């Protein structure tokens, strides 16, 4: 069995490193569906749009920061940090997804075959 993946991100001008645990994912799941967030990220990879409420993002980051030993009073503090650009929520959640599900292979591009010219059925 492989060792759990570490995640790294910037918070308050320092690099934070933490190892997600089952308890962390359970704490996140107390209020939001981590599977839905992961599905939204997968959707964003294919069409560029992640439909995730920012309150859910704030909660996930709040849980991660507390798990990493950071002093954060409440999810609203994280929400303000996201708004000011002082934390890259996509990086944190992306790494959290990869740590939970494992790195996913790149999505294969399906080449479309040209349509055959229509034949005239009347001869």
PDB file of N, CA and C in Angstrom:
ATOM      1  N   UNK A   1       0.842  -1.175   0.000  1.00  0.00           N
ATOM      2  CA  UNK A   1       0.000   0.000   0.000  1.00  0.00           C
ATOM      3  C   UNK A   1       0.895   1.249   0.000  1.00  0.00           C
ATOM      4  N   UNK A   2       0.582   2.191  -0.856  1.00  0.00           N
ATOM      5  CA  UNK A   2       1.372   3.416  -0.969  1.00  0.00           C
ATOM      6  C   UNK A   2       1.089   4.348   0.207  1.00  0.00           C
ATOM      7  N   UNK A   3       2.090   5.134   0.543  1.00  0.00           N
ATOM      8  CA  UNK A   3       1.922   6.121   1.613  1.00  0.00           C
ATOM      9  C   UNK A   3       0.967   7.214   1.146  1.00  0.00           C
ATOM     10  N   UNK A   4       0.141   7.743   2.043  1.00  0.00           N
ATOM     11  CA  UNK A   4      -0.772   8.823   1.657  1.00  0.00           C
ATOM     12  C   UNK A   4      -0.002  10.024   1.103  1.00  0.00           C
ATOM     13  N   UNK A   5      -0.598  10.652   0.143  1.00  0.00           N
ATOM     14  CA  UNK A   5       0.028  11.780  -0.542  1.00  0.00           C
ATOM     15  C   UNK A   5      -0.030  13.046   0.307  1.00  0.00           C
ATOM     16  N   UNK A   6       1.071  13.773   0.329  1.00  0.00           N
ATOM     17  CA  UNK A   6       1.119  15.076   1.000  1.00  0.00           C
ATOM     18  C   UNK A   6       0.574  16.137   0.059  1.00  0.00           C
ATOM     19  N   UNK A   7      -0.049  17.156   0.625  1.00  0.00           N
ATOM     20  CA  UNK A   7      -0.462  18.300  -0.177  1.00  0.00           C
ATOM     21  C   UNK A   7       0.300  19.525   0.303  1.00  0.00           C
ATOM     22  N   UNK A   8       0.608  20.427  -0.630  1.00  0.00           N
ATOM     23  CA  UNK A   8       1.376  21.644  -0.337  1.00  0.00           C
ATOM     24  C   UNK A   8       0.657  22.832  -0.942  1.00  0.00           C
ATOM     25  N   UNK A   9       0.598  23.925  -0.177  1.00  0.00           N
ATOM     26  CA  UNK A   9      -0.037  25.140  -0.684  1.00  0.00           C
ATOM     27  C   UNK A   9       0.440  26.337   0.129  1.00  0.00           C
ATOM     28  N   UNK A  10       0.182  27.504  -0.400  1.00  0.00           N
ATOM     29  CA  UNK A  10       0.578  28.751   0.267  1.00  0.00           C
ATOM     30  C   UNK A  10      -0.582  29.293   1.100  1.00  0.00           C
ATOM     31  N   UNK A  11      -0.264  29.733   2.326  1.00  0.00           N
ATOM     32  CA  UNK A  11      -1.255  30.347   3.208  1.00  0.00           C
ATOM     33  C   UNK A  11      -0.543  31.358   4.091  1.00  0.00           C
ATOM     34  N   UNK A  12      -0.998  32.588   4.060  1.00  0.00           N
ATOM     35  CA  UNK A  12      -0.419  33.668   4.858  1.00  0.00           C
ATOM     36  C   UNK A  12       1.101  33.740   4.693  1.00  0.00           C
ATOM     37  N   UNK A  13       1.526  33.752   3.449  1.00  0.00           N
ATOM     38  CA  UNK A  13       2.929  33.914   3.060  1.00  0.00           C
ATOM     39  C   UNK A  13       3.852  32.806   3.554  1.00  0.00           C
ATOM     40  N   UNK A  14       3.302  31.619   3.797  1.00  0.00           N
ATOM     41  CA  UNK A  14       4.148  30.485   4.132  1.00  0.00           C
ATOM     42  C   UNK A  14       3.613  29.247   3.424  1.00  0.00           C
ATOM     43  N   UNK A  15       4.513  28.302   3.205  1.00  0.00           N
ATOM     44  CA  UNK A  15       4.122  27.053   2.557  1.00  0.00           C
ATOM     45  C   UNK A  15       3.632  26.088   3.617  1.00  0.00           C
ATOM     46  N   UNK A  16       2.425  25.590   3.397  1.00  0.00           N
ATOM     47  CA  UNK A  16       1.812  24.631   4.310  1.00  0.00           C
ATOM     48  C   UNK A  16       1.905  23.256   3.671  1.00  0.00           C
ATOM     49  N   UNK A  17       2.265  22.283   4.463  1.00  0.00           N
ATOM     50  CA  UNK A  17       2.312  20.913   3.992  1.00  0.00           C
ATOM     51  C   UNK A  17       1.521  20.069   4.976  1.00  0.00           C
ATOM     52  N   UNK A  18       0.620  19.253   4.446  1.00  0.00           N
ATOM     53  CA  UNK A  18      -0.116  18.367   5.342  1.00  0.00           C
ATOM     54  C   UNK A  18      -0.468  17.070   4.630  1.00  0.00           C
ATOM     55  N   UNK A  19      -0.751  16.085   5.433  1.00  0.00           N
ATOM     56  CA  UNK A  19      -1.116  14.775   4.919  1.00  0.00           C
ATOM     57  C   UNK A  19      -2.589  14.537   5.254  1.00  0.00           C
ATOM     58  N   UNK A  20      -3.431  14.535   4.228  1.00  0.00           N
ATOM     59  CA  UNK A  20      -4.859  14.318   4.491  1.00  0.00           C
ATOM     60  C   UNK A  20      -5.096  12.952   5.142  1.00  0.00           C
ATOM     61  N   UNK A  21      -6.058  12.912   6.033  1.00  0.00           N
ATOM     62  CA  UNK A  21      -6.401  11.666   6.709  1.00  0.00           C
ATOM     63  C   UNK A  21      -7.879  11.359   6.464  1.00  0.00           C
ATOM     64  N   UNK A  22      -8.255  10.159   6.822  1.00  0.00           N
ATOM     65  CA  UNK A  22      -9.660   9.776   6.707  1.00  0.00           C
ATOM     66  C   UNK A  22     -10.527  10.711   7.548  1.00  0.00           C
ATOM     67  N   UNK A  23     -10.049  11.061   8.719  1.00  0.00           N
ATOM     68  CA  UNK A  23     -10.801  11.967   9.582  1.00  0.00           C
ATOM     69  C   UNK A  23     -11.035  13.325   8.911  1.00  0.00           C
ATOM     70  N   UNK A  24     -10.042  13.817   8.170  1.00  0.00           N
ATOM     71  CA  UNK A  24     -10.207  15.081   7.462  1.00  0.00           C
ATOM     72  C   UNK A  24     -11.342  14.970   6.444  1.00  0.00           C
ATOM     73  N   UNK A  25     -11.326  13.912   5.637  1.00  0.00           N
ATOM     74  CA  UNK A  25     -12.383  13.745   4.633  1.00  0.00           C
ATOM     75  C   UNK A  25     -13.750  13.576   5.296  1.00  0.00           C
ATOM     76  N   UNK A  26     -13.809  12.895   6.422  1.00  0.00           N
ATOM     77  CA  UNK A  26     -15.079  12.742   7.139  1.00  0.00           C
ATOM     78  C   UNK A  26     -15.572  14.084   7.674  1.00  0.00           C
ATOM     79  N   UNK A  27     -14.647  14.917   8.160  1.00  0.00           N
ATOM     80  CA  UNK A  27     -15.045  16.242   8.642  1.00  0.00           C
ATOM     81  C   UNK A  27     -15.600  17.074   7.482  1.00  0.00           C
ATOM     82  N   UNK A  28     -14.951  17.011   6.341  1.00  0.00           N
ATOM     83  CA  UNK A  28     -15.446  17.725   5.159  1.00  0.00           C
ATOM     84  C   UNK A  28     -16.837  17.228   4.812  1.00  0.00           C
ATOM     85  N   UNK A  29     -17.009  15.902   4.795  1.00  0.00           N
ATOM     86  CA  UNK A  29     -18.283  15.288   4.409  1.00  0.00           C
ATOM     87  C   UNK A  29     -19.403  15.554   5.417  1.00  0.00           C
ATOM     88  N   UNK A  30     -19.066  16.046   6.623  1.00  0.00           N
ATOM     89  CA  UNK A  30     -20.114  16.405   7.585  1.00  0.00           C
ATOM     90  C   UNK A  30     -21.037  17.483   7.023  1.00  0.00           C
ATOM     91  N   UNK A  31     -20.493  18.314   6.124  1.00  0.00           N
ATOM     92  CA  UNK A  31     -21.286  19.441   5.612  1.00  0.00           C
ATOM     93  C   UNK A  31     -21.412  19.512   4.101  1.00  0.00           C
ATOM     94  N   UNK A  32     -20.455  18.973   3.379  1.00  0.00           N
ATOM     95  CA  UNK A  32     -20.504  19.039   1.919  1.00  0.00           C
ATOM     96  C   UNK A  32     -20.132  17.683   1.322  1.00  0.00           C
ATOM     97  N   UNK A  33     -20.545  17.461   0.096  1.00  0.00           N
ATOM     98  CA  UNK A  33     -20.228  16.213  -0.585  1.00  0.00           C
ATOM     99  C   UNK A  33     -18.893  16.357  -1.312  1.00  0.00           C
ATOM    100  N   UNK A  34     -17.884  15.651  -0.814  1.00  0.00           N
ATOM    101  CA  UNK A  34     -16.577  15.709  -1.452  1.00  0.00           C
ATOM    102  C   UNK A  34     -16.643  15.098  -2.851  1.00  0.00           C
ATOM    103  N   UNK A  35     -17.470  14.083  -3.023  1.00  0.00           N
ATOM    104  CA  UNK A  35     -17.646  13.463  -4.334  1.00  0.00           C
ATOM    105  C   UNK A  35     -18.203  14.440  -5.363  1.00  0.00           C
ATOM    106  N   UNK A  36     -19.129  15.283  -4.952  1.00  0.00           N
ATOM    107  CA  UNK A  36     -19.688  16.284  -5.873  1.00  0.00           C
ATOM    108  C   UNK A  36     -18.642  17.334  -6.246  1.00  0.00           C
ATOM    109  N   UNK A  37     -17.813  17.688  -5.289  1.00  0.00           N
ATOM    110  CA  UNK A  37     -16.742  18.645  -5.584  1.00  0.00           C
ATOM    111  C   UNK A  37     -15.761  18.018  -6.572  1.00  0.00           C
ATOM    112  N   UNK A  38     -15.409  16.767  -6.360  1.00  0.00           N
ATOM    113  CA  UNK A  38     -14.503  16.073  -7.277  1.00  0.00           C
ATOM    114  C   UNK A  38     -15.121  15.976  -8.670  1.00  0.00           C
ATOM    115  N   UNK A  39     -16.426  15.687  -8.733  1.00  0.00           N
ATOM    116  CA  UNK A  39     -17.110  15.613 -10.033  1.00  0.00           C
ATOM    117  C   UNK A  39     -17.119  16.975 -10.722  1.00  0.00           C
ATOM    118  N   UNK A  40     -17.295  18.041  -9.945  1.00  0.00           N
ATOM    119  CA  UNK A  40     -17.269  19.390 -10.523  1.00  0.00           C
ATOM    120  C   UNK A  40     -15.887  19.713 -11.079  1.00  0.00           C
ATOM    121  N   UNK A  41     -14.846  19.255 -10.398  1.00  0.00           N
ATOM    122  CA  UNK A  41     -13.477  19.465 -10.899  1.00  0.00           C
ATOM    123  C   UNK A  41     -13.251  18.685 -12.183  1.00  0.00           C
ATOM    124  N   UNK A  42     -13.762  17.459 -12.231  1.00  0.00           N
ATOM    125  CA  UNK A  42     -13.628  16.656 -13.456  1.00  0.00           C
ATOM    126  C   UNK A  42     -14.357  17.343 -14.600  1.00  0.00           C
ATOM    127  N   UNK A  43     -15.517  17.907 -14.315  1.00  0.00           N
ATOM    128  CA  UNK A  43     -16.276  18.637 -15.331  1.00  0.00           C
ATOM    129  C   UNK A  43     -15.504  19.869 -15.793  1.00  0.00           C
ATOM    130  N   UNK A  44     -14.859  20.539 -14.858  1.00  0.00           N
ATOM    131  CA  UNK A  44     -14.077  21.734 -15.207  1.00  0.00           C
ATOM    132  C   UNK A  44     -12.908  21.381 -16.104  1.00  0.00           C
ATOM    133  N   UNK A  45     -12.339  20.190 -15.906  1.00  0.00           N
ATOM    134  CA  UNK A  45     -11.212  19.765 -16.738  1.00  0.00           C
ATOM    135  C   UNK A  45     -11.637  19.602 -18.185  1.00  0.00           C
ATOM    136  N   UNK A  46     -12.891  19.224 -18.404  1.00  0.00           N
ATOM    137  CA  UNK A  46     -13.332  19.007 -19.775  1.00  0.00           C
ATOM    138  C   UNK A  46     -13.989  20.224 -20.404  1.00  0.00           C
ATOM    139  N   UNK A  47     -14.676  21.063 -19.618  1.00  0.00           N
ATOM    140  CA  UNK A  47     -15.337  22.213 -20.240  1.00  0.00           C
ATOM    141  C   UNK A  47     -14.990  23.560 -19.618  1.00  0.00           C
ATOM    142  N   UNK A  48     -14.102  23.564 -18.636  1.00  0.00           N
ATOM    143  CA  UNK A  48     -13.615  24.831 -18.087  1.00  0.00           C
ATOM    144  C   UNK A  48     -14.470  25.468 -17.013  1.00  0.00           C
ATOM    145  N   UNK A  49     -15.532  24.804 -16.570  1.00  0.00           N
ATOM    146  CA  UNK A  49     -16.408  25.387 -15.570  1.00  0.00           C
ATOM    147  C   UNK A  49     -16.578  24.441 -14.388  1.00  0.00           C
ATOM    148  N   UNK A  50     -16.274  24.936 -13.196  1.00  0.00           N
ATOM    149  CA  UNK A  50     -16.492  24.150 -11.977  1.00  0.00           C
ATOM    150  C   UNK A  50     -17.662  24.780 -11.230  1.00  0.00           C
ATOM    151  N   UNK A  51     -18.769  24.080 -11.165  1.00  0.00           N
ATOM    152  CA  UNK A  51     -19.963  24.593 -10.497  1.00  0.00           C
ATOM    153  C   UNK A  51     -19.952  24.144  -9.039  1.00  0.00           C
ATOM    154  N   UNK A  52     -19.228  24.908  -8.219  1.00  0.00           N
ATOM    155  CA  UNK A  52     -19.098  24.593  -6.797  1.00  0.00           C
ATOM    156  C   UNK A  52     -19.448  25.845  -6.001  1.00  0.00           C
ATOM    157  N   UNK A  53     -20.406  25.748  -5.075  1.00  0.00           N
ATOM    158  CA  UNK A  53     -20.696  26.919  -4.242  1.00  0.00           C
ATOM    159  C   UNK A  53     -19.458  27.326  -3.435  1.00  0.00           C
ATOM    160  N   UNK A  54     -19.191  28.602  -3.372  1.00  0.00           N
ATOM    161  CA  UNK A  54     -18.006  29.075  -2.644  1.00  0.00           C
ATOM    162  C   UNK A  54     -18.101  28.799  -1.149  1.00  0.00           C
ATOM    163  N   UNK A  55     -19.307  28.656  -0.631  1.00  0.00           N
ATOM    164  CA  UNK A  55     -19.425  28.279   0.787  1.00  0.00           C
ATOM    165  C   UNK A  55     -18.875  26.866   1.004  1.00  0.00           C
ATOM    166  N   UNK A  56     -19.035  25.995   0.014  1.00  0.00           N
ATOM    167  CA  UNK A  56     -18.484  24.644   0.114  1.00  0.00           C
ATOM    168  C   UNK A  56     -16.964  24.675   0.015  1.00  0.00           C
ATOM    169  N   UNK A  57     -16.466  25.490  -0.901  1.00  0.00           N
ATOM    170  CA  UNK A  57     -15.018  25.644  -1.055  1.00  0.00           C
ATOM    171  C   UNK A  57     -14.417  26.175   0.251  1.00  0.00           C
ATOM    172  N   UNK A  58     -15.047  27.177   0.821  1.00  0.00           N
ATOM    173  CA  UNK A  58     -14.556  27.758   2.076  1.00  0.00           C
ATOM    174  C   UNK A  58     -14.530  26.719   3.190  1.00  0.00           C
ATOM    175  N   UNK A  59     -15.564  25.900   3.261  1.00  0.00           N
ATOM    176  CA  UNK A  59     -15.617  24.860   4.291  1.00  0.00           C
ATOM    177  C   UNK A  59     -14.481  23.852   4.102  1.00  0.00           C
ATOM    178  N   UNK A  60     -14.272  23.403   2.875  1.00  0.00           N
ATOM    179  CA  UNK A  60     -13.203  22.432   2.611  1.00  0.00           C
ATOM    180  C   UNK A  60     -11.851  23.013   3.008  1.00  0.00           C
ATOM    181  N   UNK A  61     -11.573  24.241   2.595  1.00  0.00           N
ATOM    182  CA  UNK A  61     -10.286  24.862   2.927  1.00  0.00           C
ATOM    183  C   UNK A  61     -10.152  25.091   4.430  1.00  0.00           C
ATOM    184  N   UNK A  62     -11.234  25.473   5.078  1.00  0.00           N
ATOM    185  CA  UNK A  62     -11.227  25.647   6.529  1.00  0.00           C
ATOM    186  C   UNK A  62     -10.822  24.333   7.207  1.00  0.00           C
ATOM    187  N   UNK A  63     -11.421  23.229   6.776  1.00  0.00           N
ATOM    188  CA  UNK A  63     -11.089  21.919   7.345  1.00  0.00           C
ATOM    189  C   UNK A  63      -9.628  21.563   7.089  1.00  0.00           C
ATOM    190  N   UNK A  64      -9.150  21.813   5.881  1.00  0.00           N
ATOM    191  CA  UNK A  64      -7.755  21.496   5.539  1.00  0.00           C
ATOM    192  C   UNK A  64      -6.799  22.335   6.381  1.00  0.00           C
ATOM    193  N   UNK A  65      -7.066  23.617   6.494  1.00  0.00           N
ATOM    194  CA  UNK A  65      -6.185  24.499   7.273  1.00  0.00           C
ATOM    195  C   UNK A  65      -6.143  24.084   8.739  1.00  0.00           C
ATOM    196  N   UNK A  66      -7.292  23.774   9.307  1.00  0.00           N
ATOM    197  CA  UNK A  66      -7.323  23.339  10.707  1.00  0.00           C
ATOM    198  C   UNK A  66      -6.579  22.008  10.868  1.00  0.00           C
ATOM    199  N   UNK A  67      -6.762  21.103   9.896  1.00  0.00           N
ATOM    200  CA  UNK A  67      -6.066  19.812   9.913  1.00  0.00           C
ATOM    201  C   UNK A  67      -4.548  20.016   9.865  1.00  0.00           C
ATOM    202  N   UNK A  68      -4.122  21.068   9.151  1.00  0.00           N
ATOM    203  CA  UNK A  68      -2.691  21.368   9.010  1.00  0.00           C
ATOM    204  C   UNK A  68      -2.158  22.167  10.200  1.00  0.00           C
ATOM    205  N   UNK A  69      -3.005  22.401  11.211  1.00  0.00           N
ATOM    206  CA  UNK A  69      -2.562  23.089  12.416  1.00  0.00           C
ATOM    207  C   UNK A  69      -2.579  24.603  12.341  1.00  0.00           C
ATOM    208  N   UNK A  70      -3.265  25.144  11.343  1.00  0.00           N
ATOM    209  CA  UNK A  70      -3.316  26.591  11.200  1.00  0.00           C
ATOM    210  C   UNK A  70      -4.455  27.168  12.040  1.00  0.00           C
ATOM    211  N   UNK A  71      -4.226  28.363  12.561  1.00  0.00           N
ATOM    212  CA  UNK A  71      -5.240  29.037  13.364  1.00  0.00           C
ATOM    213  C   UNK A  71      -6.189  29.797  12.438  1.00  0.00           C
ATOM    214  N   UNK A  72      -7.376  29.255  12.262  1.00  0.00           N
ATOM    215  CA  UNK A  72      -8.411  29.879  11.434  1.00  0.00           C
ATOM    216  C   UNK A  72      -9.684  29.865  12.262  1.00  0.00           C
ATOM    217  N   UNK A  73     -10.262  31.040  12.479  1.00  0.00           N
ATOM    218  CA  UNK A  73     -11.411  31.139  13.376  1.00  0.00           C
ATOM    219  C   UNK A  73     -12.670  30.492  12.804  1.00  0.00           C
ATOM    220  N   UNK A  74     -12.930  30.711  11.529  1.00  0.00           N
ATOM    221  CA  UNK A  74     -14.162  30.197  10.938  1.00  0.00           C
ATOM    222  C   UNK A  74     -14.059  30.178   9.413  1.00  0.00           C
ATOM    223  N   UNK A  75     -14.978  29.499   8.746  1.00  0.00           N
ATOM    224  CA  UNK A  75     -14.920  29.411   7.284  1.00  0.00           C
ATOM    225  C   UNK A  75     -15.040  30.767   6.580  1.00  0.00           C
ATOM    226  N   UNK A  76     -15.645  31.741   7.232  1.00  0.00           N
ATOM    227  CA  UNK A  76     -15.775  33.060   6.614  1.00  0.00           C
ATOM    228  C   UNK A  76     -14.412  33.735   6.454  1.00  0.00           C
ATOM    229  N   UNK A  77     -13.492  33.478   7.385  1.00  0.00           N
ATOM    230  CA  UNK A  77     -12.124  33.999   7.239  1.00  0.00           C
ATOM    231  C   UNK A  77     -11.475  33.438   5.979  1.00  0.00           C
ATOM    232  N   UNK A  78     -11.729  32.160   5.717  1.00  0.00           N
ATOM    233  CA  UNK A  78     -11.192  31.531   4.514  1.00  0.00           C
ATOM    234  C   UNK A  78     -11.853  32.128   3.281  1.00  0.00           C
ATOM    235  N   UNK A  79     -13.155  32.348   3.362  1.00  0.00           N
ATOM    236  CA  UNK A  79     -13.888  32.954   2.249  1.00  0.00           C
ATOM    237  C   UNK A  79     -13.281  34.306   1.866  1.00  0.00           C
ATOM    238  N   UNK A  80     -12.960  35.105   2.862  1.00  0.00           N
ATOM    239  CA  UNK A  80     -12.335  36.416   2.600  1.00  0.00           C
ATOM    240  C   UNK A  80     -10.934  36.239   2.001  1.00  0.00           C
ATOM    241  N   UNK A  81     -10.203  35.244   2.450  1.00  0.00           N
ATOM    242  CA  UNK A  81      -8.870  34.978   1.889  1.00  0.00           C
ATOM    243  C   UNK A  81      -8.977  34.563   0.418  1.00  0.00           C
ATOM    244  N   UNK A  82      -9.995  33.782   0.095  1.00  0.00           N
ATOM    245  CA  UNK A  82     -10.215  33.390  -1.301  1.00  0.00           C
ATOM    246  C   UNK A  82     -10.518  34.631  -2.131  1.00  0.00           C
ATOM    247  N   UNK A  83     -11.394  35.484  -1.608  1.00  0.00           N
ATOM    248  CA  UNK A  83     -11.779  36.716  -2.320  1.00  0.00           C
ATOM    249  C   UNK A  83     -10.616  37.659  -2.544  1.00  0.00           C
ATOM    250  N   UNK A  84      -9.676  37.684  -1.616  1.00  0.00           N
ATOM    251  CA  UNK A  84      -8.526  38.580  -1.754  1.00  0.00           C
ATOM    252  C   UNK A  84      -7.409  37.947  -2.588  1.00  0.00           C
ATOM    253  N   UNK A  85      -7.570  36.667  -2.922  1.00  0.00           N
ATOM    254  CA  UNK A  85      -6.555  35.980  -3.713  1.00  0.00           C
ATOM    255  C   UNK A  85      -5.371  35.484  -2.904  1.00  0.00           C
ATOM    256  N   UNK A  86      -5.502  35.455  -1.568  1.00  0.00           N
ATOM    257  CA  UNK A  86      -4.364  35.025  -0.756  1.00  0.00           C
ATOM    258  C   UNK A  86      -4.279  33.515  -0.572  1.00  0.00           C
ATOM    259  N   UNK A  87      -5.206  32.770  -1.142  1.00  0.00           N
ATOM    260  CA  UNK A  87      -5.086  31.309  -1.183  1.00  0.00           C
ATOM    261  C   UNK A  87      -5.657  30.846  -2.513  1.00  0.00           C
ATOM    262  N   UNK A  88      -4.969  29.919  -3.135  1.00  0.00           N
ATOM    263  CA  UNK A  88      -5.402  29.377  -4.421  1.00  0.00           C
ATOM    264  C   UNK A  88      -6.233  28.127  -4.144  1.00  0.00           C
ATOM    265  N   UNK A  89      -7.529  28.308  -4.077  1.00  0.00           N
ATOM    266  CA  UNK A  89      -8.407  27.210  -3.686  1.00  0.00           C
ATOM    267  C   UNK A  89      -8.381  26.056  -4.691  1.00  0.00           C
ATOM    268  N   UNK A  90      -8.170  26.351  -5.963  1.00  0.00           N
ATOM    269  CA  UNK A  90      -8.111  25.293  -6.973  1.00  0.00           C
ATOM    270  C   UNK A  90      -6.944  24.345  -6.749  1.00  0.00           C
ATOM    271  N   UNK A  91      -5.810  24.908  -6.362  1.00  0.00           N
ATOM    272  CA  UNK A  91      -4.623  24.088  -6.085  1.00  0.00           C
ATOM    273  C   UNK A  91      -4.878  23.181  -4.885  1.00  0.00           C
ATOM    274  N   UNK A  92      -5.423  23.741  -3.823  1.00  0.00           N
ATOM    275  CA  UNK A  92      -5.641  22.962  -2.602  1.00  0.00           C
ATOM    276  C   UNK A  92      -6.643  21.836  -2.850  1.00  0.00           C
ATOM    277  N   UNK A  93      -7.776  22.174  -3.443  1.00  0.00           N
ATOM    278  CA  UNK A  93      -8.806  21.157  -3.656  1.00  0.00           C
ATOM    279  C   UNK A  93      -8.351  20.139  -4.697  1.00  0.00           C
ATOM    280  N   UNK A  94      -7.647  20.588  -5.722  1.00  0.00           N
ATOM    281  CA  UNK A  94      -7.123  19.661  -6.719  1.00  0.00           C
ATOM    282  C   UNK A  94      -6.188  18.632  -6.099  1.00  0.00           C
ATOM    283  N   UNK A  95      -5.303  19.091  -5.225  1.00  0.00           N
ATOM    284  CA  UNK A  95      -4.383  18.166  -4.551  1.00  0.00           C
ATOM    285  C   UNK A  95      -5.133  17.240  -3.589  1.00  0.00           C
ATOM    286  N   UNK A  96      -6.144  17.780  -2.943  1.00  0.00           N
ATOM    287  CA  UNK A  96      -6.941  16.981  -2.010  1.00  0.00           C
ATOM    288  C   UNK A  96      -7.670  15.857  -2.754  1.00  0.00           C
ATOM    289  N   UNK A  97      -8.193  16.178  -3.921  1.00  0.00           N
ATOM    290  CA  UNK A  97      -8.863  15.168  -4.752  1.00  0.00           C
ATOM    291  C   UNK A  97      -7.862  14.103  -5.187  1.00  0.00           C
ATOM    292  N   UNK A  98      -6.696  14.541  -5.668  1.00  0.00           N
ATOM    293  CA  UNK A  98      -5.672  13.590  -6.106  1.00  0.00           C
ATOM    294  C   UNK A  98      -5.203  12.710  -4.949  1.00  0.00           C
ATOM    295  N   UNK A  99      -5.102  13.277  -3.752  1.00  0.00           N
ATOM    296  CA  UNK A  99      -4.671  12.494  -2.587  1.00  0.00           C
ATOM    297  C   UNK A  99      -5.716  11.439  -2.224  1.00  0.00           C
ATOM    298  N   UNK A 100      -6.986  11.755  -2.419  1.00  0.00           N
ATOM    299  CA  UNK A 100      -8.051  10.824  -2.054  1.00  0.00           C
ATOM    300  C   UNK A 100      -8.263   9.747  -3.119  1.00  0.00           C
ATOM    301  N   UNK A 101      -8.399  10.180  -4.357  1.00  0.00           N
ATOM    302  CA  UNK A 101      -8.718   9.250  -5.440  1.00  0.00           C
ATOM    303  C   UNK A 101      -7.490   8.709  -6.156  1.00  0.00           C
ATOM    304  N   UNK A 102      -6.336   9.331  -5.942  1.00  0.00           N
ATOM    305  CA  UNK A 102      -5.141   8.961  -6.700  1.00  0.00           C
ATOM    306  C   UNK A 102      -5.100   9.786  -7.970  1.00  0.00           C
ATOM    307  N   UNK A 103      -3.937   9.878  -8.533  1.00  0.00           N
ATOM    308  CA  UNK A 103      -3.803  10.642  -9.774  1.00  0.00           C
ATOM    309  C   UNK A 103      -4.562   9.911 -10.871  1.00  0.00           C
ATOM    310  N   UNK A 104      -5.373  10.655 -11.571  1.00  0.00           N
ATOM    311  CA  UNK A 104      -6.156  10.073 -12.645  1.00  0.00           C
ATOM    312  C   UNK A 104      -5.419  10.227 -13.964  1.00  0.00           C
ATOM    313  N   UNK A 105      -5.533   9.239 -14.833  1.00  0.00           N
ATOM    314  CA  UNK A 105      -4.874   9.376 -16.136  1.00  0.00           C
ATOM    315  C   UNK A 105      -5.525  10.484 -16.949  1.00  0.00           C
ATOM    316  N   UNK A 106      -4.759  11.052 -17.852  1.00  0.00           N
ATOM    317  CA  UNK A 106      -5.299  12.106 -18.715  1.00  0.00           C
ATOM    318  C   UNK A 106      -6.434  11.522 -19.537  1.00  0.00           C
ATOM    319  N   UNK A 107      -7.438  12.330 -19.745  1.00  0.00           N
ATOM    320  CA  UNK A 107      -8.593  11.894 -20.522  1.00  0.00           C
ATOM    321  C   UNK A 107      -8.176  11.729 -21.982  1.00  0.00           C
ATOM    322  N   UNK A 108      -8.458  10.569 -22.524  1.00  0.00           N
ATOM    323  CA  UNK A 108      -8.082  10.293 -23.910  1.00  0.00           C
ATOM    324  C   UNK A 108      -8.954  11.101 -24.859  1.00  0.00           C
ATOM    325  N   UNK A 109      -8.324  11.647 -25.871  1.00  0.00           N
ATOM    326  CA  UNK A 109      -9.077  12.382 -26.884  1.00  0.00           C
ATOM    327  C   UNK A 109      -9.563  11.390 -27.932  1.00  0.00           C
ATOM    328  N   UNK A 110     -10.824  11.481 -28.213  1.00  0.00           N
ATOM    329  CA  UNK A 110     -11.415  10.593 -29.205  1.00  0.00           C
ATOM    330  C   UNK A 110     -11.397  11.313 -30.545  1.00  0.00           C
ATOM    331  N   UNK A 111     -10.751  10.686 -31.504  1.00  0.00           N
ATOM    332  CA  UNK A 111     -10.703  11.286 -32.830  1.00  0.00           C
ATOM    333  C   UNK A 111     -11.970  10.928 -33.579  1.00  0.00           C
ATOM    334  N   UNK A 112     -12.581  11.940 -34.144  1.00  0.00           N
ATOM    335  CA  UNK A 112     -13.796  11.701 -34.913  1.00  0.00           C
ATOM    336  C   UNK A 112     -13.409  11.298 -36.323  1.00  0.00           C
ATOM    337  N   UNK A 113     -14.025  10.242 -36.777  1.00  0.00           N
ATOM    338  CA  UNK A 113     -13.777   9.798 -38.146  1.00  0.00           C
ATOM    339  C   UNK A 113     -14.641  10.623 -39.082  1.00  0.00           C
ATOM    340  N   UNK A 114     -14.092  10.975 -40.238  1.00  0.00           N
ATOM    341  CA  UNK A 114     -14.913  11.727 -41.187  1.00  0.00           C
ATOM    342  C   UNK A 114     -16.084  10.871 -41.642  1.00  0.00           C
ATOM    343  N   UNK A 115     -17.203  11.535 -41.818  1.00  0.00           N
ATOM    344  CA  UNK A 115     -18.384  10.808 -42.281  1.00  0.00           C
ATOM    345  C   UNK A 115     -18.208  10.424 -43.737  1.00  0.00           C
ATOM    346  N   UNK A 116     -18.651   9.246 -44.037  1.00  0.00           N
ATOM    347  CA  UNK A 116     -18.574   8.780 -45.418  1.00  0.00           C
ATOM    348  C   UNK A 116     -19.563   9.581 -46.266  1.00  0.00           C
ATOM    349  N   UNK A 117     -19.175   9.849 -47.467  1.00  0.00           N
ATOM    350  CA  UNK A 117     -20.061  10.590 -48.370  1.00  0.00           C
ATOM    351  C   UNK A 117     -21.322   9.757 -48.601  1.00  0.00           C
ATOM    352  N   UNK A 118     -22.442  10.425 -48.569  1.00  0.00           N
ATOM    353  CA  UNK A 118     -23.725   9.728 -48.779  1.00  0.00           C
ATOM    354  C   UNK A 118     -23.788   9.217 -50.198  1.00  0.00           C
ATOM    355  N   UNK A 119     -24.208   7.997 -50.332  1.00  0.00           N
ATOM    356  CA  UNK A 119     -24.350   7.405 -51.668  1.00  0.00           C
ATOM    357  C   UNK A 119     -25.741   7.677 -52.198  1.00  0.00           C
ATOM    358  N   UNK A 120     -25.781   7.865 -53.453  1.00  0.00           N
ATOM    359  CA  UNK A 120     -27.069   8.066 -54.110  1.00  0.00           C
ATOM    360  C   UNK A 120     -27.717   6.699 -54.254  1.00  0.00           C
ATOM    361  N   UNK A 121     -28.841   6.489 -53.586  1.00  0.00           N
ATOM    362  CA  UNK A 121     -29.480   5.175 -53.626  1.00  0.00           C
ATOM    363  C   UNK A 121     -30.211   4.923 -54.912  1.00  0.00           C
ATOM    364  N   UNK A 122     -30.416   5.933 -55.697  1.00  0.00           N
ATOM    365  CA  UNK A 122     -31.076   5.750 -57.007  1.00  0.00           C
ATOM    366  C   UNK A 122     -30.021   5.638 -58.075  1.00  0.00           C
ATOM    367  N   UNK A 123     -30.109   4.669 -58.869  1.00  0.00           N
ATOM    368  CA  UNK A 123     -29.157   4.503 -59.974  1.00  0.00           C
ATOM    369  C   UNK A 123     -29.863   4.371 -61.259  1.00  0.00           C
TER     370      UNK A 123
END
